[in-house]
PDB file of N, CA and C in Angstrom:
ATOM      1  N   MET A   1       0.835  -1.264  -0.112  1.00  0.00           N
ATOM      2  CA  MET A   1       0.027   0.014   0.210  1.00  0.00           C
ATOM      3  C   MET A   1       0.740   1.351   0.019  1.00  0.00           C
ATOM      4  N   ILE A   2       0.477   2.255  -0.920  1.00  0.00           N
ATOM      5  CA  ILE A   2       1.370   3.318  -1.025  1.00  0.00           C
ATOM      6  C   ILE A   2       0.622   4.448   0.219  1.00  0.00           C
ATOM      7  N   ASP A   3       1.695   5.223   0.516  1.00  0.00           N
ATOM      8  CA  ASP A   3       1.387   6.050   1.600  1.00  0.00           C
ATOM      9  C   ASP A   3       0.722   7.309   0.814  1.00  0.00           C
ATOM     10  N   ALA A   4      -0.265   7.852   1.465  1.00  0.00           N
ATOM     11  CA  ALA A   4      -1.016   8.930   0.861  1.00  0.00           C
ATOM     12  C   ALA A   4      -0.059  10.205   0.734  1.00  0.00           C
ATOM     13  N   ASN A   5       0.709  10.399   1.197  1.00  0.00           N
ATOM     14  CA  ASN A   5       1.682  11.691   1.590  1.00  0.00           C
ATOM     15  C   ASN A   5       2.884  11.612   0.622  1.00  0.00           C
ATOM     16  N   ASP A   6       3.049  10.283   0.100  1.00  0.00           N
ATOM     17  CA  ASP A   6       4.422   9.918  -0.735  1.00  0.00           C
ATOM     18  C   ASP A   6       3.875  10.134  -2.070  1.00  0.00           C
ATOM     19  N   LYS A   7       4.563  11.353  -2.708  1.00  0.00           N
ATOM     20  CA  LYS A   7       4.335  11.952  -4.290  1.00  0.00           C
ATOM     21  C   LYS A   7       5.512  11.631  -5.068  1.00  0.00           C
ATOM     22  N   ALA A   8       6.433  11.021  -4.437  1.00  0.00           N
ATOM     23  CA  ALA A   8       7.653  10.721  -5.272  1.00  0.00           C
ATOM     24  C   ALA A   8       7.702   9.395  -5.843  1.00  0.00           C
ATOM     25  N   THR A   9       7.360   8.347  -5.447  1.00  0.00           N
ATOM     26  CA  THR A   9       7.206   7.037  -5.702  1.00  0.00           C
ATOM     27  C   THR A   9       6.516   7.040  -6.850  1.00  0.00           C
ATOM     28  N   ALA A  10       6.563   6.341  -7.894  1.00  0.00           N
ATOM     29  CA  ALA A  10       5.921   5.869  -9.139  1.00  0.00           C
ATOM     30  C   ALA A  10       5.033   4.637  -8.821  1.00  0.00           C
ATOM     31  N   ASP A  11       4.055   4.614  -9.371  1.00  0.00           N
ATOM     32  CA  ASP A  11       3.192   3.774  -9.160  1.00  0.00           C
ATOM     33  C   ASP A  11       3.300   2.437 -10.247  1.00  0.00           C
ATOM     34  N   LEU A  12       3.886   1.597  -9.880  1.00  0.00           N
ATOM     35  CA  LEU A  12       4.272   0.204 -10.683  1.00  0.00           C
ATOM     36  C   LEU A  12       3.151  -0.654 -11.330  1.00  0.00           C
ATOM     37  N   ILE A  13       2.191  -0.206 -10.401  1.00  0.00           N
ATOM     38  CA  ILE A  13       0.981  -1.205 -11.017  1.00  0.00           C
ATOM     39  C   ILE A  13       0.437  -0.726 -11.823  1.00  0.00           C
ATOM     40  N   GLY A  14      -0.421   0.575 -11.848  1.00  0.00           N
ATOM     41  CA  GLY A  14      -1.048   1.276 -12.905  1.00  0.00           C
ATOM     42  C   GLY A  14      -0.580   1.364 -14.105  1.00  0.00           C
ATOM     43  N   ASP A  15      -1.434   1.664 -15.080  1.00  0.00           N
ATOM     44  CA  ASP A  15      -0.870   1.415 -16.566  1.00  0.00           C
ATOM     45  C   ASP A  15      -0.045   2.862 -16.960  1.00  0.00           C
ATOM     46  N   ALA A  16       0.842   2.582 -17.774  1.00  0.00           N
ATOM     47  CA  ALA A  16       2.042   3.445 -18.126  1.00  0.00           C
ATOM     48  C   ALA A  16       1.192   4.438 -19.100  1.00  0.00           C
ATOM     49  N   PRO A  17       1.285   5.848 -18.894  1.00  0.00           N
ATOM     50  CA  PRO A  17       0.725   6.710 -19.979  1.00  0.00           C
ATOM     51  C   PRO A  17       1.286   6.391 -21.627  1.00  0.00           C
ATOM     52  N   LYS A  18       0.258   6.867 -22.412  1.00  0.00           N
ATOM     53  CA  LYS A  18       0.332   6.009 -23.668  1.00  0.00           C
ATOM     54  C   LYS A  18       1.506   7.303 -24.473  1.00  0.00           C
ATOM     55  N   ARG A  19       2.308   6.494 -25.094  1.00  0.00           N
ATOM     56  CA  ARG A  19       3.401   7.243 -26.037  1.00  0.00           C
ATOM     57  C   ARG A  19       2.701   7.884 -26.804  1.00  0.00           C
ATOM     58  N   ARG A  20       3.318   9.026 -27.355  1.00  0.00           N
ATOM     59  CA  ARG A  20       2.953  10.016 -28.314  1.00  0.00           C
ATOM     60  C   ARG A  20       3.500   9.592 -29.765  1.00  0.00           C
ATOM     61  N   GLY A  21       2.506   9.715 -30.649  1.00  0.00           N
ATOM     62  CA  GLY A  21       3.219   9.588 -31.885  1.00  0.00           C
ATOM     63  C   GLY A  21       2.590   8.665 -32.776  1.00  0.00           C
ATOM     64  N   ARG A  22       3.024   8.239 -33.743  1.00  0.00           N
ATOM     65  CA  ARG A  22       2.564   7.002 -34.423  1.00  0.00           C
ATOM     66  C   ARG A  22       3.124   5.766 -33.874  1.00  0.00           C
ATOM     67  N   PRO A  23       2.447   4.668 -33.747  1.00  0.00           N
ATOM     68  CA  PRO A  23       2.833   3.840 -33.188  1.00  0.00           C
ATOM     69  C   PRO A  23       3.807   3.008 -34.020  1.00  0.00           C
ATOM     70  N   SER A  24       4.791   2.062 -33.734  1.00  0.00           N
ATOM     71  CA  SER A  24       6.076   1.657 -34.480  1.00  0.00           C
ATOM     72  C   SER A  24       5.145   0.239 -34.877  1.00  0.00           C
ATOM     73  N   THR A  25       5.750  -0.294 -36.163  1.00  0.00           N
ATOM     74  CA  THR A  25       5.380  -1.672 -36.592  1.00  0.00           C
ATOM     75  C   THR A  25       6.341  -2.427 -36.533  1.00  0.00           C
ATOM     76  N   GLY A  26       7.489  -2.080 -36.348  1.00  0.00           N
ATOM     77  CA  GLY A  26       8.579  -3.236 -36.209  1.00  0.00           C
ATOM     78  C   GLY A  26       9.053  -3.312 -37.690  1.00  0.00           C
ATOM     79  N   LYS A  27       8.886  -2.764 -38.715  1.00  0.00           N
ATOM     80  CA  LYS A  27       9.163  -3.021 -39.906  1.00  0.00           C
ATOM     81  C   LYS A  27      10.007  -1.807 -40.744  1.00  0.00           C
ATOM     82  N   ALA A  28      10.392  -0.928 -39.653  1.00  0.00           N
ATOM     83  CA  ALA A  28      11.007   0.037 -40.168  1.00  0.00           C
ATOM     84  C   ALA A  28      12.412  -0.082 -41.045  1.00  0.00           C
ATOM     85  N   LYS A  29      12.684   0.580 -41.979  1.00  0.00           N
ATOM     86  CA  LYS A  29      14.173   0.249 -42.680  1.00  0.00           C
ATOM     87  C   LYS A  29      15.065   1.463 -42.268  1.00  0.00           C
ATOM     88  N   SER A  30      16.407   0.899 -42.665  1.00  0.00           N
ATOM     89  CA  SER A  30      17.548   1.860 -42.314  1.00  0.00           C
ATOM     90  C   SER A  30      17.626   2.769 -43.397  1.00  0.00           C
ATOM     91  N   SER A  31      18.432   3.972 -43.346  1.00  0.00           N
ATOM     92  CA  SER A  31      18.766   4.757 -44.428  1.00  0.00           C
ATOM     93  C   SER A  31      19.077   4.141 -45.466  1.00  0.00           C
ATOM     94  N   ALA A  32      20.108   3.264 -45.493  1.00  0.00           N
ATOM     95  CA  ALA A  32      20.749   2.571 -46.527  1.00  0.00           C
ATOM     96  C   ALA A  32      19.930   1.884 -47.200  1.00  0.00           C
ATOM     97  N   GLU A  33      18.848   1.058 -46.596  1.00  0.00           N
ATOM     98  CA  GLU A  33      17.779   0.453 -47.266  1.00  0.00           C
ATOM     99  C   GLU A  33      16.912   1.165 -48.078  1.00  0.00           C
ATOM    100  N   ARG A  34      16.551   2.313 -47.727  1.00  0.00           N
ATOM    101  CA  ARG A  34      15.614   3.197 -48.296  1.00  0.00           C
ATOM    102  C   ARG A  34      16.307   3.840 -49.395  1.00  0.00           C
ATOM    103  N   MET A  35      17.599   4.250 -49.331  1.00  0.00           N
ATOM    104  CA  MET A  35      18.306   4.711 -50.591  1.00  0.00           C
ATOM    105  C   MET A  35      18.650   3.523 -51.677  1.00  0.00           C
ATOM    106  N   ARG A  36      18.823   2.398 -50.943  1.00  0.00           N
ATOM    107  CA  ARG A  36      19.124   1.177 -51.740  1.00  0.00           C
ATOM    108  C   ARG A  36      17.747   1.148 -52.857  1.00  0.00           C
ATOM    109  N   GLU A  37      16.946   0.936 -52.540  1.00  0.00           N
ATOM    110  CA  GLU A  37      15.335   0.820 -52.715  1.00  0.00           C
ATOM    111  C   GLU A  37      15.254   2.516 -54.001  1.00  0.00           C
ATOM    112  N   LEU A  38      15.467   3.270 -53.373  1.00  0.00           N
ATOM    113  CA  LEU A  38      15.200   4.746 -54.338  1.00  0.00           C
ATOM    114  C   LEU A  38      16.158   4.432 -55.726  1.00  0.00           C
ATOM    115  N   ARG A  39      17.334   4.140 -55.503  1.00  0.00           N
ATOM    116  CA  ARG A  39      18.398   3.888 -56.621  1.00  0.00           C
ATOM    117  C   ARG A  39      17.783   2.886 -57.596  1.00  0.00           C
ATOM    118  N   ARG A  40      17.204   1.765 -56.856  1.00  0.00           N
ATOM    119  CA  ARG A  40      16.758   0.870 -57.809  1.00  0.00           C
ATOM    120  C   ARG A  40      15.466   1.466 -58.587  1.00  0.00           C
ATOM    121  N   ARG A  41      14.797   1.954 -58.135  1.00  0.00           N
ATOM    122  CA  ARG A  41      13.533   2.527 -58.673  1.00  0.00           C
ATOM    123  C   ARG A  41      13.650   3.301 -59.469  1.00  0.00           C
ATOM    124  N   ASN A  42      14.576   4.275 -59.367  1.00  0.00           N
ATOM    125  CA  ASN A  42      14.962   5.374 -60.391  1.00  0.00           C
ATOM    126  C   ASN A  42      15.893   5.030 -61.411  1.00  0.00           C
ATOM    127  N   GLY A  43      16.729   4.028 -61.154  1.00  0.00           N
ATOM    128  CA  GLY A  43      17.636   3.337 -62.348  1.00  0.00           C
ATOM    129  C   GLY A  43      19.075   4.100 -62.190  1.00  0.00           C
ATOM    130  N   TRP A  44      19.132   4.377 -60.749  1.00  0.00           N
ATOM    131  CA  TRP A  44      20.623   5.176 -60.372  1.00  0.00           C
ATOM    132  C   TRP A  44      21.652   4.189 -59.981  1.00  0.00           C
ATOM    133  N   ALA A  45      21.241   2.938 -59.988  1.00  0.00           N
ATOM    134  CA  ALA A  45      22.407   1.983 -59.360  1.00  0.00           C
ATOM    135  C   ALA A  45      23.719   2.057 -60.370  1.00  0.00           C
ATOM    136  N   ILE A  46      24.703   2.060 -59.527  1.00  0.00           N
ATOM    137  CA  ILE A  46      25.997   2.214 -59.951  1.00  0.00           C
ATOM    138  C   ILE A  46      26.887   0.925 -59.993  1.00  0.00           C
ATOM    139  N   GLY A  47      27.107   0.132 -60.931  1.00  0.00           N
ATOM    140  CA  GLY A  47      28.027  -1.226 -60.669  1.00  0.00           C
ATOM    141  C   GLY A  47      28.979  -1.239 -61.814  1.00  0.00           C
ATOM    142  N   ASP A  48      29.415  -2.454 -62.282  1.00  0.00           N
ATOM    143  CA  ASP A  48      30.307  -2.640 -63.251  1.00  0.00           C
ATOM    144  C   ASP A  48      29.798  -2.439 -64.749  1.00  0.00           C
ATOM    145  N   ASP A  49      28.352  -2.726 -64.754  1.00  0.00           N
ATOM    146  CA  ASP A  49      27.457  -2.533 -66.017  1.00  0.00           C
ATOM    147  C   ASP A  49      26.454  -1.726 -65.686  1.00  0.00           C
ATOM    148  N   PHE A  50      25.657  -1.242 -66.705  1.00  0.00           N
ATOM    149  CA  PHE A  50      24.683   0.005 -66.589  1.00  0.00           C
ATOM    150  C   PHE A  50      23.481  -1.001 -67.070  1.00  0.00           C
ATOM    151  N   ASP A  51      23.396  -2.175 -67.275  1.00  0.00           N
ATOM    152  CA  ASP A  51      22.200  -3.075 -66.977  1.00  0.00           C
ATOM    153  C   ASP A  51      20.711  -2.327 -66.626  1.00  0.00           C
ATOM    154  N   GLY A  52      20.978  -1.909 -65.283  1.00  0.00           N
ATOM    155  CA  GLY A  52      19.781  -1.680 -64.404  1.00  0.00           C
ATOM    156  C   GLY A  52      19.679  -0.091 -64.819  1.00  0.00           C
ATOM    157  N   LEU A  53      20.127   0.303 -65.521  1.00  0.00           N
ATOM    158  CA  LEU A  53      19.909   2.028 -65.786  1.00  0.00           C
ATOM    159  C   LEU A  53      18.995   2.129 -67.076  1.00  0.00           C
ATOM    160  N   THR A  54      17.923   3.064 -66.701  1.00  0.00           N
ATOM    161  CA  THR A  54      17.370   3.291 -68.378  1.00  0.00           C
ATOM    162  C   THR A  54      18.168   4.228 -68.712  1.00  0.00           C
ATOM    163  N   ASN A  55      17.568   4.885 -69.719  1.00  0.00           N
ATOM    164  CA  ASN A  55      18.423   5.508 -70.837  1.00  0.00           C
ATOM    165  C   ASN A  55      18.318   6.938 -69.936  1.00  0.00           C
ATOM    166  N   THR A  56      17.000   7.401 -69.375  1.00  0.00           N
ATOM    167  CA  THR A  56      16.900   8.731 -68.851  1.00  0.00           C
ATOM    168  C   THR A  56      17.959   8.535 -67.422  1.00  0.00           C
ATOM    169  N   GLY A  57      17.991   7.441 -66.746  1.00  0.00           N
ATOM    170  CA  GLY A  57      18.807   7.318 -65.584  1.00  0.00           C
ATOM    171  C   GLY A  57      20.407   7.478 -65.965  1.00  0.00           C
ATOM    172  N   LEU A  58      20.539   6.951 -67.366  1.00  0.00           N
ATOM    173  CA  LEU A  58      22.003   6.975 -67.590  1.00  0.00           C
ATOM    174  C   LEU A  58      22.492   8.610 -68.148  1.00  0.00           C
ATOM    175  N   TYR A  59      21.469   9.142 -68.717  1.00  0.00           N
ATOM    176  CA  TYR A  59      21.494  10.692 -68.886  1.00  0.00           C
ATOM    177  C   TYR A  59      21.911  11.393 -67.839  1.00  0.00           C
ATOM    178  N   GLU A  60      21.059  11.425 -66.585  1.00  0.00           N
ATOM    179  CA  GLU A  60      21.156  11.885 -65.298  1.00  0.00           C
ATOM    180  C   GLU A  60      22.447  11.906 -64.748  1.00  0.00           C
ATOM    181  N   LEU A  61      22.715  10.361 -64.857  1.00  0.00           N
ATOM    182  CA  LEU A  61      24.139   9.965 -64.078  1.00  0.00           C
ATOM    183  C   LEU A  61      25.352  10.752 -65.125  1.00  0.00           C
ATOM    184  N   LEU A  62      25.029  10.741 -66.236  1.00  0.00           N
ATOM    185  CA  LEU A  62      26.093  11.492 -67.143  1.00  0.00           C
ATOM    186  C   LEU A  62      26.386  12.720 -66.817  1.00  0.00           C
ATOM    187  N   ALA A  63      25.570  13.467 -66.611  1.00  0.00           N
ATOM    188  CA  ALA A  63      25.412  15.031 -66.275  1.00  0.00           C
ATOM    189  C   ALA A  63      25.820  15.286 -64.949  1.00  0.00           C
ATOM    190  N   SER A  64      25.581  14.477 -63.844  1.00  0.00           N
ATOM    191  CA  SER A  64      26.064  14.352 -62.374  1.00  0.00           C
ATOM    192  C   SER A  64      27.551  14.128 -62.429  1.00  0.00           C
ATOM    193  N   VAL A  65      27.944  13.151 -63.247  1.00  0.00           N
ATOM    194  CA  VAL A  65      29.454  12.643 -63.184  1.00  0.00           C
ATOM    195  C   VAL A  65      30.459  13.754 -63.823  1.00  0.00           C
ATOM    196  N   HIS A  66      29.768  14.366 -65.127  1.00  0.00           N
ATOM    197  CA  HIS A  66      30.345  15.029 -65.838  1.00  0.00           C
ATOM    198  C   HIS A  66      30.458  16.515 -64.559  1.00  0.00           C
ATOM    199  N   ALA A  67      29.542  16.906 -64.073  1.00  0.00           N
ATOM    200  CA  ALA A  67      29.899  18.262 -62.738  1.00  0.00           C
ATOM    201  C   ALA A  67      30.675  17.852 -61.869  1.00  0.00           C
ATOM    202  N   LYS A  68      30.715  16.640 -61.425  1.00  0.00           N
ATOM    203  CA  LYS A  68      31.878  16.246 -60.289  1.00  0.00           C
ATOM    204  C   LYS A  68      33.022  15.916 -60.957  1.00  0.00           C
ATOM    205  N   GLY A  69      33.198  16.017 -62.206  1.00  0.00           N
ATOM    206  CA  GLY A  69      34.742  15.769 -62.780  1.00  0.00           C
ATOM    207  C   GLY A  69      35.316  14.478 -62.677  1.00  0.00           C
ATOM    208  N   GLN A  70      34.224  13.216 -62.678  1.00  0.00           N
ATOM    209  CA  GLN A  70      34.642  12.143 -62.334  1.00  0.00           C
ATOM    210  C   GLN A  70      34.896  11.333 -63.780  1.00  0.00           C
ATOM    211  N   GLU A  71      35.963  11.682 -64.484  1.00  0.00           N
ATOM    212  CA  GLU A  71      36.472  11.300 -65.882  1.00  0.00           C
ATOM    213  C   GLU A  71      36.052   9.775 -66.248  1.00  0.00           C
ATOM    214  N   ASN A  72      36.578   8.974 -65.288  1.00  0.00           N
ATOM    215  CA  ASN A  72      36.541   7.540 -65.563  1.00  0.00           C
ATOM    216  C   ASN A  72      35.109   7.079 -66.121  1.00  0.00           C
ATOM    217  N   LEU A  73      34.337   7.419 -64.865  1.00  0.00           N
ATOM    218  CA  LEU A  73      32.986   7.028 -65.038  1.00  0.00           C
ATOM    219  C   LEU A  73      32.081   7.755 -66.019  1.00  0.00           C
ATOM    220  N   PHE A  74      32.609   8.728 -66.458  1.00  0.00           N
ATOM    221  CA  PHE A  74      32.084   9.709 -67.523  1.00  0.00           C
ATOM    222  C   PHE A  74      32.201   9.085 -68.633  1.00  0.00           C
ATOM    223  N   GLU A  75      33.491   8.549 -68.950  1.00  0.00           N
ATOM    224  CA  GLU A  75      33.783   7.711 -70.339  1.00  0.00           C
ATOM    225  C   GLU A  75      33.015   6.549 -70.319  1.00  0.00           C
ATOM    226  N   ARG A  76      32.931   5.803 -69.204  1.00  0.00           N
ATOM    227  CA  ARG A  76      32.244   4.668 -69.305  1.00  0.00           C
ATOM    228  C   ARG A  76      30.757   4.737 -69.435  1.00  0.00           C
ATOM    229  N   CYS A  77      29.953   6.057 -69.184  1.00  0.00           N
ATOM    230  CA  CYS A  77      28.847   6.207 -69.302  1.00  0.00           C
ATOM    231  C   CYS A  77      28.473   6.350 -71.026  1.00  0.00           C
ATOM    232  N   VAL A  78      29.309   7.501 -71.416  1.00  0.00           N
ATOM    233  CA  VAL A  78      29.593   7.652 -73.046  1.00  0.00           C
ATOM    234  C   VAL A  78      29.613   6.577 -73.599  1.00  0.00           C
ATOM    235  N   ALA A  79      30.517   5.538 -73.549  1.00  0.00           N
ATOM    236  CA  ALA A  79      30.888   4.139 -74.213  1.00  0.00           C
ATOM    237  C   ALA A  79      29.268   3.250 -73.988  1.00  0.00           C
ATOM    238  N   GLU A  80      28.796   3.377 -72.958  1.00  0.00           N
ATOM    239  CA  GLU A  80      27.523   2.602 -72.877  1.00  0.00           C
ATOM    240  C   GLU A  80      26.537   3.378 -73.903  1.00  0.00           C
ATOM    241  N   LEU A  81      26.086   4.493 -73.578  1.00  0.00           N
ATOM    242  CA  LEU A  81      25.454   5.271 -74.701  1.00  0.00           C
ATOM    243  C   LEU A  81      25.626   5.324 -75.874  1.00  0.00           C
ATOM    244  N   ARG A  82      26.876   4.956 -76.555  1.00  0.00           N
ATOM    245  CA  ARG A  82      27.060   4.838 -77.613  1.00  0.00           C
ATOM    246  C   ARG A  82      26.887   3.297 -78.118  1.00  0.00           C
ATOM    247  N   LYS A  83      26.989   2.397 -77.327  1.00  0.00           N
ATOM    248  CA  LYS A  83      26.596   0.998 -77.648  1.00  0.00           C
ATOM    249  C   LYS A  83      25.169   0.731 -77.774  1.00  0.00           C
ATOM    250  N   ARG A  84      24.759   1.694 -76.622  1.00  0.00           N
ATOM    251  CA  ARG A  84      22.994   1.285 -76.851  1.00  0.00           C
ATOM    252  C   ARG A  84      22.424   2.076 -77.863  1.00  0.00           C
ATOM    253  N   MET A  85      23.277   3.463 -78.696  1.00  0.00           N
ATOM    254  CA  MET A  85      22.809   3.784 -79.867  1.00  0.00           C
ATOM    255  C   MET A  85      23.054   2.793 -80.984  1.00  0.00           C
ATOM    256  N   VAL A  86      24.070   2.041 -81.011  1.00  0.00           N
ATOM    257  CA  VAL A  86      24.461   1.566 -82.290  1.00  0.00           C
ATOM    258  C   VAL A  86      23.570   0.190 -82.052  1.00  0.00           C
ATOM    259  N   HIS A  87      22.967  -0.281 -80.948  1.00  0.00           N
ATOM    260  CA  HIS A  87      22.322  -1.481 -80.823  1.00  0.00           C
ATOM    261  C   HIS A  87      20.733  -1.234 -81.271  1.00  0.00           C
ATOM    262  N   ASN A  88      20.247   0.002 -80.973  1.00  0.00           N
ATOM    263  CA  ASN A  88      19.045   0.600 -81.418  1.00  0.00           C
ATOM    264  C   ASN A  88      18.695   0.890 -82.802  1.00  0.00           C
ATOM    265  N   SER A  89      20.116   1.225 -83.316  1.00  0.00           N
ATOM    266  CA  SER A  89      20.061   1.608 -85.095  1.00  0.00           C
ATOM    267  C   SER A  89      20.195   0.255 -85.791  1.00  0.00           C
ATOM    268  N   SER A  90      20.415  -0.847 -85.173  1.00  0.00           N
ATOM    269  CA  SER A  90      20.595  -1.825 -85.779  1.00  0.00           C
ATOM    270  C   SER A  90      19.361  -2.467 -85.835  1.00  0.00           C
ATOM    271  N   GLN A  91      18.243  -2.260 -84.960  1.00  0.00           N
ATOM    272  CA  GLN A  91      17.063  -2.969 -84.886  1.00  0.00           C
ATOM    273  C   GLN A  91      15.924  -2.677 -85.938  1.00  0.00           C
TER     274      GLN A  91
END
């Protein structure tokens, strides 16, 4: 039994106050997982090949790489675009 004059001791039996905000589902993703999905959806994945990139994604990557001065990746993007142009013109 709790003393009626005791105001400092917390009530361990009673309900805890509800937490504020949206309840968690336990399925939260890390920042890296969210960015990986975003890159995959928008075609921004950069690997050894550009198969996962759409032409639009490749043009955006080309502009970004040129602005940053990344010559090696810039040349690879240009080579991939040339390869796609030759492939499309032969069809």
